[in-house]
């Protein structure tokens, strides 16, 4: 792992699908079992060897910075009570990595949010991790993407097969096979196509390993769908011309992914992760079996 690689987590969205819960709380702080969603993403970056993380925030997102900061009064209270288990959970978040914050300013889309990381990232390859996509810690993805990026000097996008009826919810990739089963060459990218127009059922999920040339492309990318600067459009430009920064490759992820950006999927994600835990799973499974006949 290249020690210089940094991670960028865009977290400036308003979270309107979760109102009124997100009126005063960032959607990234909504708990998935007993940790906020963003902590899972930070832990994933750390597991991939990344310890320098920039979070792109909007207004009213101070809770994100507070979560990863020390809370000395709380730590002291838990220490005095001898509750070392809870104390370890509290201190773990602040010890994960070096975490920095910058405001996006104008909400001009994901591409614009990534562009705001330019000064922090510098002239190096970096990872972008979206907080709505949680990747199961048992199924490493980001470390594989970094490996592919470094060995092939490429921009790398995470892809996952979805039902064709759902492809309109995602960016979609037109691909060619390579000599590796989980790696494809991306020939073109389309943002949220209809099922009839989609070149494949390979959807872009929220993990990217980007070369610094993406910044110049984003500077020149006009607003796309929704009037926002789309990262997918900038990646499509790179895919169309390998002379700019080498190939754009996709790593096909076949592991467990949890979508926390939709209310129903958020609930499913929390249930699934809780069922997988030794301390919660057995009792939760028994309760689900008990109520199942009444549903």
C-alpha atoms as a PDB file:
ATOM      1  CA  UNK A   1       0.000   0.000   0.000  1.00  0.00           C
ATOM      2  CA  UNK A   2       1.310   3.419  -0.991  1.00  0.00           C
ATOM      3  CA  UNK A   3       1.607   5.324   2.287  1.00  0.00           C
ATOM      4  CA  UNK A   4       0.773   8.587   0.540  1.00  0.00           C
ATOM      5  CA  UNK A   5      -2.741   7.603  -0.490  1.00  0.00           C
ATOM      6  CA  UNK A   6      -5.540   9.547   1.165  1.00  0.00           C
ATOM      7  CA  UNK A   7      -9.282   9.017   1.321  1.00  0.00           C
ATOM      8  CA  UNK A   8     -12.026  11.552   0.639  1.00  0.00           C
ATOM      9  CA  UNK A   9     -15.526  11.049   2.044  1.00  0.00           C
ATOM     10  CA  UNK A  10     -18.157  13.408   0.590  1.00  0.00           C
ATOM     11  CA  UNK A  11     -20.699  14.097   3.343  1.00  0.00           C
ATOM     12  CA  UNK A  12     -22.320  17.381   2.417  1.00  0.00           C
ATOM     13  CA  UNK A  13     -25.735  16.075   1.362  1.00  0.00           C
ATOM     14  CA  UNK A  14     -28.908  17.236   3.095  1.00  0.00           C
ATOM     15  CA  UNK A  15     -30.285  13.730   3.687  1.00  0.00           C
ATOM     16  CA  UNK A  16     -33.791  14.754   2.641  1.00  0.00           C
ATOM     17  CA  UNK A  17     -34.961  11.136   2.305  1.00  0.00           C
ATOM     18  CA  UNK A  18     -34.605  10.766   6.075  1.00  0.00           C
ATOM     19  CA  UNK A  19     -36.424  13.917   7.180  1.00  0.00           C
ATOM     20  CA  UNK A  20     -37.329  14.836   9.852  1.00  0.00           C
ATOM     21  CA  UNK A  21     -34.550  12.751  11.473  1.00  0.00           C
ATOM     22  CA  UNK A  22     -31.930  14.639   9.457  1.00  0.00           C
ATOM     23  CA  UNK A  23     -33.300  18.111  10.112  1.00  0.00           C
ATOM     24  CA  UNK A  24     -30.644  18.666  12.780  1.00  0.00           C
ATOM     25  CA  UNK A  25     -28.538  15.497  12.461  1.00  0.00           C
ATOM     26  CA  UNK A  26     -26.315  14.655   9.482  1.00  0.00           C
ATOM     27  CA  UNK A  27     -27.535  11.530   7.710  1.00  0.00           C
ATOM     28  CA  UNK A  28     -24.017  10.125   8.042  1.00  0.00           C
ATOM     29  CA  UNK A  29     -24.529  10.106  11.817  1.00  0.00           C
ATOM     30  CA  UNK A  30     -27.635   7.934  11.710  1.00  0.00           C
ATOM     31  CA  UNK A  31     -26.801   4.768  13.644  1.00  0.00           C
ATOM     32  CA  UNK A  32     -26.394   1.440  11.899  1.00  0.00           C
ATOM     33  CA  UNK A  33     -26.834  -0.868  14.898  1.00  0.00           C
ATOM     34  CA  UNK A  34     -24.653   1.070  17.384  1.00  0.00           C
ATOM     35  CA  UNK A  35     -22.227   3.045  15.213  1.00  0.00           C
ATOM     36  CA  UNK A  36     -22.906   5.974  12.896  1.00  0.00           C
ATOM     37  CA  UNK A  37     -22.760   5.054   9.230  1.00  0.00           C
ATOM     38  CA  UNK A  38     -19.694   7.197   8.571  1.00  0.00           C
ATOM     39  CA  UNK A  39     -17.644   5.301  11.149  1.00  0.00           C
ATOM     40  CA  UNK A  40     -18.012   2.110   9.127  1.00  0.00           C
ATOM     41  CA  UNK A  41     -16.597   3.954   6.111  1.00  0.00           C
ATOM     42  CA  UNK A  42     -13.663   5.352   8.070  1.00  0.00           C
ATOM     43  CA  UNK A  43     -12.941   1.904   9.505  1.00  0.00           C
ATOM     44  CA  UNK A  44     -12.931   0.486   5.976  1.00  0.00           C
ATOM     45  CA  UNK A  45     -10.362   3.057   4.874  1.00  0.00           C
ATOM     46  CA  UNK A  46      -8.180   2.266   7.882  1.00  0.00           C
ATOM     47  CA  UNK A  47      -8.438  -1.473   7.145  1.00  0.00           C
ATOM     48  CA  UNK A  48      -7.119  -0.721   3.653  1.00  0.00           C
ATOM     49  CA  UNK A  49      -4.092   1.025   5.147  1.00  0.00           C
ATOM     50  CA  UNK A  50      -5.303   4.614   4.785  1.00  0.00           C
ATOM     51  CA  UNK A  51      -4.884   6.883   7.804  1.00  0.00           C
ATOM     52  CA  UNK A  52      -5.371  10.339   6.236  1.00  0.00           C
ATOM     53  CA  UNK A  53      -9.033  11.070   5.588  1.00  0.00           C
ATOM     54  CA  UNK A  54     -10.733  14.248   4.396  1.00  0.00           C
ATOM     55  CA  UNK A  55     -14.470  14.623   4.964  1.00  0.00           C
ATOM     56  CA  UNK A  56     -16.312  17.086   2.727  1.00  0.00           C
ATOM     57  CA  UNK A  57     -19.130  18.598   4.780  1.00  0.00           C
ATOM     58  CA  UNK A  58     -21.931  21.104   4.430  1.00  0.00           C
ATOM     59  CA  UNK A  59     -23.671  23.338   6.929  1.00  0.00           C
ATOM     60  CA  UNK A  60     -24.924  21.841  10.197  1.00  0.00           C
ATOM     61  CA  UNK A  61     -22.447  18.972  10.027  1.00  0.00           C
ATOM     62  CA  UNK A  62     -20.519  19.736  13.224  1.00  0.00           C
ATOM     63  CA  UNK A  63     -21.666  16.434  14.710  1.00  0.00           C
ATOM     64  CA  UNK A  64     -19.351  14.610  12.307  1.00  0.00           C
ATOM     65  CA  UNK A  65     -16.270  16.368  13.619  1.00  0.00           C
ATOM     66  CA  UNK A  66     -17.467  15.973  17.190  1.00  0.00           C
ATOM     67  CA  UNK A  67     -17.881  12.229  16.781  1.00  0.00           C
ATOM     68  CA  UNK A  68     -14.247  11.729  15.809  1.00  0.00           C
ATOM     69  CA  UNK A  69     -12.969  14.109  18.484  1.00  0.00           C
ATOM     70  CA  UNK A  70     -12.180  13.329  22.119  1.00  0.00           C
ATOM     71  CA  UNK A  71     -14.961  13.813  24.680  1.00  0.00           C
ATOM     72  CA  UNK A  72     -12.947  14.068  27.871  1.00  0.00           C
ATOM     73  CA  UNK A  73     -15.899  14.496  30.225  1.00  0.00           C
ATOM     74  CA  UNK A  74     -17.579  11.346  28.930  1.00  0.00           C
ATOM     75  CA  UNK A  75     -14.319   9.406  28.976  1.00  0.00           C
ATOM     76  CA  UNK A  76     -13.683  10.489  32.564  1.00  0.00           C
ATOM     77  CA  UNK A  77     -17.202   9.483  33.642  1.00  0.00           C
ATOM     78  CA  UNK A  78     -16.875   6.031  32.098  1.00  0.00           C
ATOM     79  CA  UNK A  79     -13.417   5.628  33.630  1.00  0.00           C
ATOM     80  CA  UNK A  80     -14.757   6.514  37.072  1.00  0.00           C
ATOM     81  CA  UNK A  81     -17.583   4.004  36.660  1.00  0.00           C
ATOM     82  CA  UNK A  82     -15.152   1.314  35.595  1.00  0.00           C
ATOM     83  CA  UNK A  83     -17.113   0.809  32.367  1.00  0.00           C
ATOM     84  CA  UNK A  84     -14.062   0.029  30.264  1.00  0.00           C
ATOM     85  CA  UNK A  85     -15.998  -1.659  27.459  1.00  0.00           C
ATOM     86  CA  UNK A  86     -18.008   1.469  26.688  1.00  0.00           C
ATOM     87  CA  UNK A  87     -14.903   3.584  27.186  1.00  0.00           C
ATOM     88  CA  UNK A  88     -13.055   1.590  24.545  1.00  0.00           C
ATOM     89  CA  UNK A  89     -15.934   2.106  22.092  1.00  0.00           C
ATOM     90  CA  UNK A  90     -15.913   5.851  22.744  1.00  0.00           C
ATOM     91  CA  UNK A  91     -12.159   6.293  22.337  1.00  0.00           C
ATOM     92  CA  UNK A  92     -11.916   4.010  19.295  1.00  0.00           C
ATOM     93  CA  UNK A  93     -13.524   6.556  16.956  1.00  0.00           C
ATOM     94  CA  UNK A  94     -11.085   9.352  17.852  1.00  0.00           C
ATOM     95  CA  UNK A  95      -8.065   7.067  17.446  1.00  0.00           C
ATOM     96  CA  UNK A  96      -8.917   5.632  14.032  1.00  0.00           C
ATOM     97  CA  UNK A  97      -7.065   8.033  11.732  1.00  0.00           C
ATOM     98  CA  UNK A  98      -6.083  11.621  11.026  1.00  0.00           C
ATOM     99  CA  UNK A  99      -9.436  13.070   9.971  1.00  0.00           C
ATOM    100  CA  UNK A 100      -9.793  16.515   8.421  1.00  0.00           C
ATOM    101  CA  UNK A 101     -12.853  18.490   7.392  1.00  0.00           C
ATOM    102  CA  UNK A 102     -13.558  21.044   4.675  1.00  0.00           C
ATOM    103  CA  UNK A 103     -16.843  22.625   3.652  1.00  0.00           C
ATOM    104  CA  UNK A 104     -18.170  22.104   0.163  1.00  0.00           C
ATOM    105  CA  UNK A 105     -19.808  25.523   0.038  1.00  0.00           C
ATOM    106  CA  UNK A 106     -22.209  25.513  -2.897  1.00  0.00           C
ATOM    107  CA  UNK A 107     -24.002  22.149  -3.233  1.00  0.00           C
ATOM    108  CA  UNK A 108     -23.026  21.520  -6.842  1.00  0.00           C
ATOM    109  CA  UNK A 109     -22.889  17.741  -6.803  1.00  0.00           C
ATOM    110  CA  UNK A 110     -20.493  14.883  -6.142  1.00  0.00           C
ATOM    111  CA  UNK A 111     -17.988  16.015  -8.739  1.00  0.00           C
ATOM    112  CA  UNK A 112     -17.780  19.430  -7.117  1.00  0.00           C
ATOM    113  CA  UNK A 113     -17.369  17.851  -3.681  1.00  0.00           C
ATOM    114  CA  UNK A 114     -14.441  15.783  -4.941  1.00  0.00           C
ATOM    115  CA  UNK A 115     -12.932  18.892  -6.499  1.00  0.00           C
ATOM    116  CA  UNK A 116     -12.940  20.576  -3.080  1.00  0.00           C
ATOM    117  CA  UNK A 117     -10.383  17.980  -1.922  1.00  0.00           C
ATOM    118  CA  UNK A 118      -7.743  19.082  -4.420  1.00  0.00           C
ATOM    119  CA  UNK A 119      -5.553  21.090  -2.045  1.00  0.00           C
ATOM    120  CA  UNK A 120      -5.587  18.354   0.563  1.00  0.00           C
ATOM    121  CA  UNK A 121      -4.943  15.473  -1.834  1.00  0.00           C
ATOM    122  CA  UNK A 122      -2.273  17.171  -3.914  1.00  0.00           C
ATOM    123  CA  UNK A 123      -0.727  15.426  -6.899  1.00  0.00           C
ATOM    124  CA  UNK A 124      -1.345  11.857  -5.742  1.00  0.00           C
ATOM    125  CA  UNK A 125      -3.761   9.021  -6.335  1.00  0.00           C
ATOM    126  CA  UNK A 126      -6.582   9.019  -3.767  1.00  0.00           C
ATOM    127  CA  UNK A 127      -9.708   7.108  -2.791  1.00  0.00           C
ATOM    128  CA  UNK A 128     -13.257   8.435  -2.747  1.00  0.00           C
ATOM    129  CA  UNK A 129     -15.722   6.634  -0.479  1.00  0.00           C
ATOM    130  CA  UNK A 130     -19.418   7.418  -0.392  1.00  0.00           C
ATOM    131  CA  UNK A 131     -21.077   7.109   2.979  1.00  0.00           C
ATOM    132  CA  UNK A 132     -24.324   5.605   1.661  1.00  0.00           C
ATOM    133  CA  UNK A 133     -22.514   2.410   0.645  1.00  0.00           C
ATOM    134  CA  UNK A 134     -21.265   0.255   3.499  1.00  0.00           C
ATOM    135  CA  UNK A 135     -18.955  -2.588   2.493  1.00  0.00           C
ATOM    136  CA  UNK A 136     -18.860  -5.568   4.839  1.00  0.00           C
ATOM    137  CA  UNK A 137     -15.510  -5.749   6.617  1.00  0.00           C
ATOM    138  CA  UNK A 138     -15.360  -9.459   5.787  1.00  0.00           C
ATOM    139  CA  UNK A 139     -15.326  -8.704   2.044  1.00  0.00           C
ATOM    140  CA  UNK A 140     -12.433  -6.310   1.338  1.00  0.00           C
ATOM    141  CA  UNK A 141     -12.926  -4.076  -1.682  1.00  0.00           C
ATOM    142  CA  UNK A 142     -10.900  -0.889  -1.329  1.00  0.00           C
ATOM    143  CA  UNK A 143      -7.567  -2.653  -0.805  1.00  0.00           C
ATOM    144  CA  UNK A 144      -8.167  -4.636  -4.001  1.00  0.00           C
ATOM    145  CA  UNK A 145      -8.981  -1.443  -5.906  1.00  0.00           C
ATOM    146  CA  UNK A 146      -5.784   0.243  -4.685  1.00  0.00           C
ATOM    147  CA  UNK A 147      -3.778  -2.820  -5.731  1.00  0.00           C
ATOM    148  CA  UNK A 148      -5.278  -2.747  -9.237  1.00  0.00           C
ATOM    149  CA  UNK A 149      -4.707   1.001  -9.519  1.00  0.00           C
ATOM    150  CA  UNK A 150      -1.048   0.700  -8.559  1.00  0.00           C
ATOM    151  CA  UNK A 151      -0.191  -2.357 -10.653  1.00  0.00           C
ATOM    152  CA  UNK A 152      -1.963  -1.087 -13.783  1.00  0.00           C
ATOM    153  CA  UNK A 153      -1.493   2.686 -13.281  1.00  0.00           C
ATOM    154  CA  UNK A 154      -5.223   3.156 -13.659  1.00  0.00           C
ATOM    155  CA  UNK A 155      -8.267   4.918 -12.356  1.00  0.00           C
ATOM    156  CA  UNK A 156     -10.447   2.278 -10.691  1.00  0.00           C
ATOM    157  CA  UNK A 157     -14.198   2.253 -10.110  1.00  0.00           C
ATOM    158  CA  UNK A 158     -16.121  -0.286  -8.019  1.00  0.00           C
ATOM    159  CA  UNK A 159     -18.847  -2.099  -9.948  1.00  0.00           C
ATOM    160  CA  UNK A 160     -21.569  -4.483  -8.849  1.00  0.00           C
ATOM    161  CA  UNK A 161     -24.146  -6.468 -10.794  1.00  0.00           C
ATOM    162  CA  UNK A 162     -27.698  -5.281 -10.137  1.00  0.00           C
ATOM    163  CA  UNK A 163     -31.083  -6.306 -11.455  1.00  0.00           C
ATOM    164  CA  UNK A 164     -31.591  -4.519 -14.805  1.00  0.00           C
ATOM    165  CA  UNK A 165     -34.785  -2.973 -13.443  1.00  0.00           C
ATOM    166  CA  UNK A 166     -32.663  -1.120 -10.862  1.00  0.00           C
ATOM    167  CA  UNK A 167     -29.923   0.181 -13.149  1.00  0.00           C
ATOM    168  CA  UNK A 168     -31.666   3.557 -13.556  1.00  0.00           C
ATOM    169  CA  UNK A 169     -30.701   4.283  -9.935  1.00  0.00           C
ATOM    170  CA  UNK A 170     -26.962   4.081 -10.644  1.00  0.00           C
ATOM    171  CA  UNK A 171     -24.187   5.106 -12.942  1.00  0.00           C
ATOM    172  CA  UNK A 172     -23.690   2.259 -15.414  1.00  0.00           C
ATOM    173  CA  UNK A 173     -20.548   0.926 -17.127  1.00  0.00           C
ATOM    174  CA  UNK A 174     -19.963  -0.381 -20.642  1.00  0.00           C
ATOM    175  CA  UNK A 175     -17.054  -2.797 -20.204  1.00  0.00           C
ATOM    176  CA  UNK A 176     -14.617  -5.229 -21.796  1.00  0.00           C
ATOM    177  CA  UNK A 177     -13.094  -8.244 -20.051  1.00  0.00           C
ATOM    178  CA  UNK A 178      -9.429  -8.370 -19.000  1.00  0.00           C
ATOM    179  CA  UNK A 179      -7.192 -11.266 -18.003  1.00  0.00           C
ATOM    180  CA  UNK A 180      -8.485 -11.036 -14.414  1.00  0.00           C
ATOM    181  CA  UNK A 181     -11.949 -12.287 -13.494  1.00  0.00           C
ATOM    182  CA  UNK A 182     -12.816  -9.346 -11.254  1.00  0.00           C
ATOM    183  CA  UNK A 183     -11.271  -6.593 -13.399  1.00  0.00           C
ATOM    184  CA  UNK A 184     -12.812  -5.047 -16.524  1.00  0.00           C
ATOM    185  CA  UNK A 185     -11.866  -2.176 -18.796  1.00  0.00           C
ATOM    186  CA  UNK A 186     -14.482   0.564 -18.775  1.00  0.00           C
ATOM    187  CA  UNK A 187     -15.194   1.867 -22.260  1.00  0.00           C
ATOM    188  CA  UNK A 188     -17.972   4.275 -21.327  1.00  0.00           C
ATOM    189  CA  UNK A 189     -20.070   5.402 -18.367  1.00  0.00           C
ATOM    190  CA  UNK A 190     -23.662   6.557 -18.316  1.00  0.00           C
ATOM    191  CA  UNK A 191     -25.312   8.284 -15.359  1.00  0.00           C
ATOM    192  CA  UNK A 192     -28.629   6.643 -14.357  1.00  0.00           C
ATOM    193  CA  UNK A 193     -29.715   5.257 -17.742  1.00  0.00           C
ATOM    194  CA  UNK A 194     -33.085   3.652 -18.389  1.00  0.00           C
ATOM    195  CA  UNK A 195     -33.092  -0.130 -18.513  1.00  0.00           C
ATOM    196  CA  UNK A 196     -33.496   0.024 -22.306  1.00  0.00           C
ATOM    197  CA  UNK A 197     -30.495   2.331 -22.753  1.00  0.00           C
ATOM    198  CA  UNK A 198     -28.150   0.732 -20.212  1.00  0.00           C
ATOM    199  CA  UNK A 199     -25.043  -0.872 -21.762  1.00  0.00           C
ATOM    200  CA  UNK A 200     -24.865  -3.487 -18.965  1.00  0.00           C
ATOM    201  CA  UNK A 201     -26.203  -4.321 -15.525  1.00  0.00           C
ATOM    202  CA  UNK A 202     -22.906  -3.291 -13.898  1.00  0.00           C
ATOM    203  CA  UNK A 203     -23.642  -0.412 -11.547  1.00  0.00           C
ATOM    204  CA  UNK A 204     -21.124   1.987 -10.068  1.00  0.00           C
ATOM    205  CA  UNK A 205     -21.097   1.700  -6.291  1.00  0.00           C
ATOM    206  CA  UNK A 206     -19.572   4.254  -3.989  1.00  0.00           C
ATOM    207  CA  UNK A 207     -15.869   3.426  -4.102  1.00  0.00           C
ATOM    208  CA  UNK A 208     -13.313   5.029  -6.435  1.00  0.00           C
ATOM    209  CA  UNK A 209      -9.537   5.186  -6.670  1.00  0.00           C
ATOM    210  CA  UNK A 210      -8.766   8.290  -8.679  1.00  0.00           C
ATOM    211  CA  UNK A 211      -5.635   9.715 -10.224  1.00  0.00           C
ATOM    212  CA  UNK A 212      -5.036  13.453  -9.719  1.00  0.00           C
ATOM    213  CA  UNK A 213      -5.770  14.184 -13.379  1.00  0.00           C
ATOM    214  CA  UNK A 214      -9.444  13.913 -12.427  1.00  0.00           C
ATOM    215  CA  UNK A 215      -9.275  17.396 -10.923  1.00  0.00           C
ATOM    216  CA  UNK A 216      -8.516  19.115 -14.223  1.00  0.00           C
ATOM    217  CA  UNK A 217     -11.330  17.150 -15.848  1.00  0.00           C
ATOM    218  CA  UNK A 218     -13.778  18.143 -13.107  1.00  0.00           C
ATOM    219  CA  UNK A 219     -12.803  21.792 -13.546  1.00  0.00           C
ATOM    220  CA  UNK A 220     -14.019  21.538 -17.149  1.00  0.00           C
ATOM    221  CA  UNK A 221     -17.048  19.306 -16.582  1.00  0.00           C
ATOM    222  CA  UNK A 222     -20.347  21.151 -17.107  1.00  0.00           C
ATOM    223  CA  UNK A 223     -23.385  20.423 -14.935  1.00  0.00           C
ATOM    224  CA  UNK A 224     -25.093  17.187 -15.915  1.00  0.00           C
ATOM    225  CA  UNK A 225     -28.134  15.387 -14.575  1.00  0.00           C
ATOM    226  CA  UNK A 226     -29.895  17.350 -11.865  1.00  0.00           C
ATOM    227  CA  UNK A 227     -27.894  20.443 -12.763  1.00  0.00           C
ATOM    228  CA  UNK A 228     -24.940  19.094 -10.763  1.00  0.00           C
ATOM    229  CA  UNK A 229     -21.317  18.389 -11.644  1.00  0.00           C
ATOM    230  CA  UNK A 230     -21.333  14.609 -11.957  1.00  0.00           C
ATOM    231  CA  UNK A 231     -18.239  12.575 -11.107  1.00  0.00           C
ATOM    232  CA  UNK A 232     -19.511   9.954 -13.551  1.00  0.00           C
ATOM    233  CA  UNK A 233     -19.280  12.473 -16.410  1.00  0.00           C
ATOM    234  CA  UNK A 234     -15.645  13.255 -15.568  1.00  0.00           C
ATOM    235  CA  UNK A 235     -14.820   9.549 -15.381  1.00  0.00           C
ATOM    236  CA  UNK A 236     -16.514   9.051 -18.752  1.00  0.00           C
ATOM    237  CA  UNK A 237     -14.149  11.642 -20.214  1.00  0.00           C
ATOM    238  CA  UNK A 238     -11.158   9.720 -18.847  1.00  0.00           C
ATOM    239  CA  UNK A 239     -12.536   6.434 -20.149  1.00  0.00           C
ATOM    240  CA  UNK A 240     -12.941   7.951 -23.594  1.00  0.00           C
ATOM    241  CA  UNK A 241      -9.274   8.986 -23.830  1.00  0.00           C
ATOM    242  CA  UNK A 242      -6.608   6.829 -22.170  1.00  0.00           C
ATOM    243  CA  UNK A 243      -3.972   9.388 -23.135  1.00  0.00           C
ATOM    244  CA  UNK A 244      -5.145  11.669 -20.330  1.00  0.00           C
ATOM    245  CA  UNK A 245      -4.377   9.420 -17.361  1.00  0.00           C
ATOM    246  CA  UNK A 246      -4.266   5.809 -18.475  1.00  0.00           C
ATOM    247  CA  UNK A 247      -7.154   3.344 -18.470  1.00  0.00           C
ATOM    248  CA  UNK A 248     -10.294   3.427 -16.376  1.00  0.00           C
ATOM    249  CA  UNK A 249     -10.848  -0.029 -14.898  1.00  0.00           C
ATOM    250  CA  UNK A 250     -13.657  -1.543 -12.906  1.00  0.00           C
ATOM    251  CA  UNK A 251     -13.301  -3.984 -10.035  1.00  0.00           C
ATOM    252  CA  UNK A 252     -16.421  -6.139  -9.861  1.00  0.00           C
ATOM    253  CA  UNK A 253     -17.465  -6.556  -6.241  1.00  0.00           C
ATOM    254  CA  UNK A 254     -19.263  -9.777  -5.378  1.00  0.00           C
ATOM    255  CA  UNK A 255     -19.322  -9.372  -1.608  1.00  0.00           C
ATOM    256  CA  UNK A 256     -21.765  -7.944   0.901  1.00  0.00           C
ATOM    257  CA  UNK A 257     -22.819  -4.327   0.481  1.00  0.00           C
ATOM    258  CA  UNK A 258     -25.355  -2.383   2.505  1.00  0.00           C
ATOM    259  CA  UNK A 259     -27.192   0.612   1.076  1.00  0.00           C
ATOM    260  CA  UNK A 260     -27.999   3.115   3.812  1.00  0.00           C
ATOM    261  CA  UNK A 261     -29.166   5.870   1.475  1.00  0.00           C
ATOM    262  CA  UNK A 262     -32.738   4.587   1.242  1.00  0.00           C
ATOM    263  CA  UNK A 263     -35.048   4.244   4.250  1.00  0.00           C
ATOM    264  CA  UNK A 264     -36.065   0.640   3.626  1.00  0.00           C
ATOM    265  CA  UNK A 265     -32.546  -0.464   2.686  1.00  0.00           C
ATOM    266  CA  UNK A 266     -31.220   1.354   5.754  1.00  0.00           C
ATOM    267  CA  UNK A 267     -33.508  -0.713   7.971  1.00  0.00           C
ATOM    268  CA  UNK A 268     -32.524  -3.903   6.162  1.00  0.00           C
ATOM    269  CA  UNK A 269     -28.841  -3.045   6.586  1.00  0.00           C
ATOM    270  CA  UNK A 270     -29.201  -2.489  10.322  1.00  0.00           C
ATOM    271  CA  UNK A 271     -31.085  -5.765  10.728  1.00  0.00           C
ATOM    272  CA  UNK A 272     -28.585  -7.758   8.682  1.00  0.00           C
ATOM    273  CA  UNK A 273     -25.556  -6.390  10.501  1.00  0.00           C
ATOM    274  CA  UNK A 274     -27.227  -6.948  13.858  1.00  0.00           C
ATOM    275  CA  UNK A 275     -28.130 -10.534  12.925  1.00  0.00           C
ATOM    276  CA  UNK A 276     -24.472 -11.189  12.122  1.00  0.00           C
ATOM    277  CA  UNK A 277     -23.342 -10.147  15.607  1.00  0.00           C
ATOM    278  CA  UNK A 278     -22.863 -12.695  18.370  1.00  0.00           C
ATOM    279  CA  UNK A 279     -24.184 -10.327  21.046  1.00  0.00           C
ATOM    280  CA  UNK A 280     -27.374  -9.389  19.195  1.00  0.00           C
ATOM    281  CA  UNK A 281     -28.009 -11.923  16.447  1.00  0.00           C
ATOM    282  CA  UNK A 282     -29.488 -14.898  18.343  1.00  0.00           C
ATOM    283  CA  UNK A 283     -32.093 -12.881  20.257  1.00  0.00           C
ATOM    284  CA  UNK A 284     -32.953 -10.756  17.226  1.00  0.00           C
ATOM    285  CA  UNK A 285     -33.354 -13.842  15.024  1.00  0.00           C
ATOM    286  CA  UNK A 286     -35.615 -15.451  17.632  1.00  0.00           C
ATOM    287  CA  UNK A 287     -37.763 -12.297  17.785  1.00  0.00           C
ATOM    288  CA  UNK A 288     -38.045 -12.173  13.975  1.00  0.00           C
ATOM    289  CA  UNK A 289     -39.154 -15.815  13.905  1.00  0.00           C
ATOM    290  CA  UNK A 290     -41.733 -15.070  16.595  1.00  0.00           C
ATOM    291  CA  UNK A 291     -43.320 -12.156  14.759  1.00  0.00           C
ATOM    292  CA  UNK A 292     -42.999 -13.602  11.242  1.00  0.00           C
ATOM    293  CA  UNK A 293     -46.327 -15.515  11.372  1.00  0.00           C
ATOM    294  CA  UNK A 294     -48.159 -12.288  12.206  1.00  0.00           C
ATOM    295  CA  UNK A 295     -46.794 -10.344   9.234  1.00  0.00           C
END
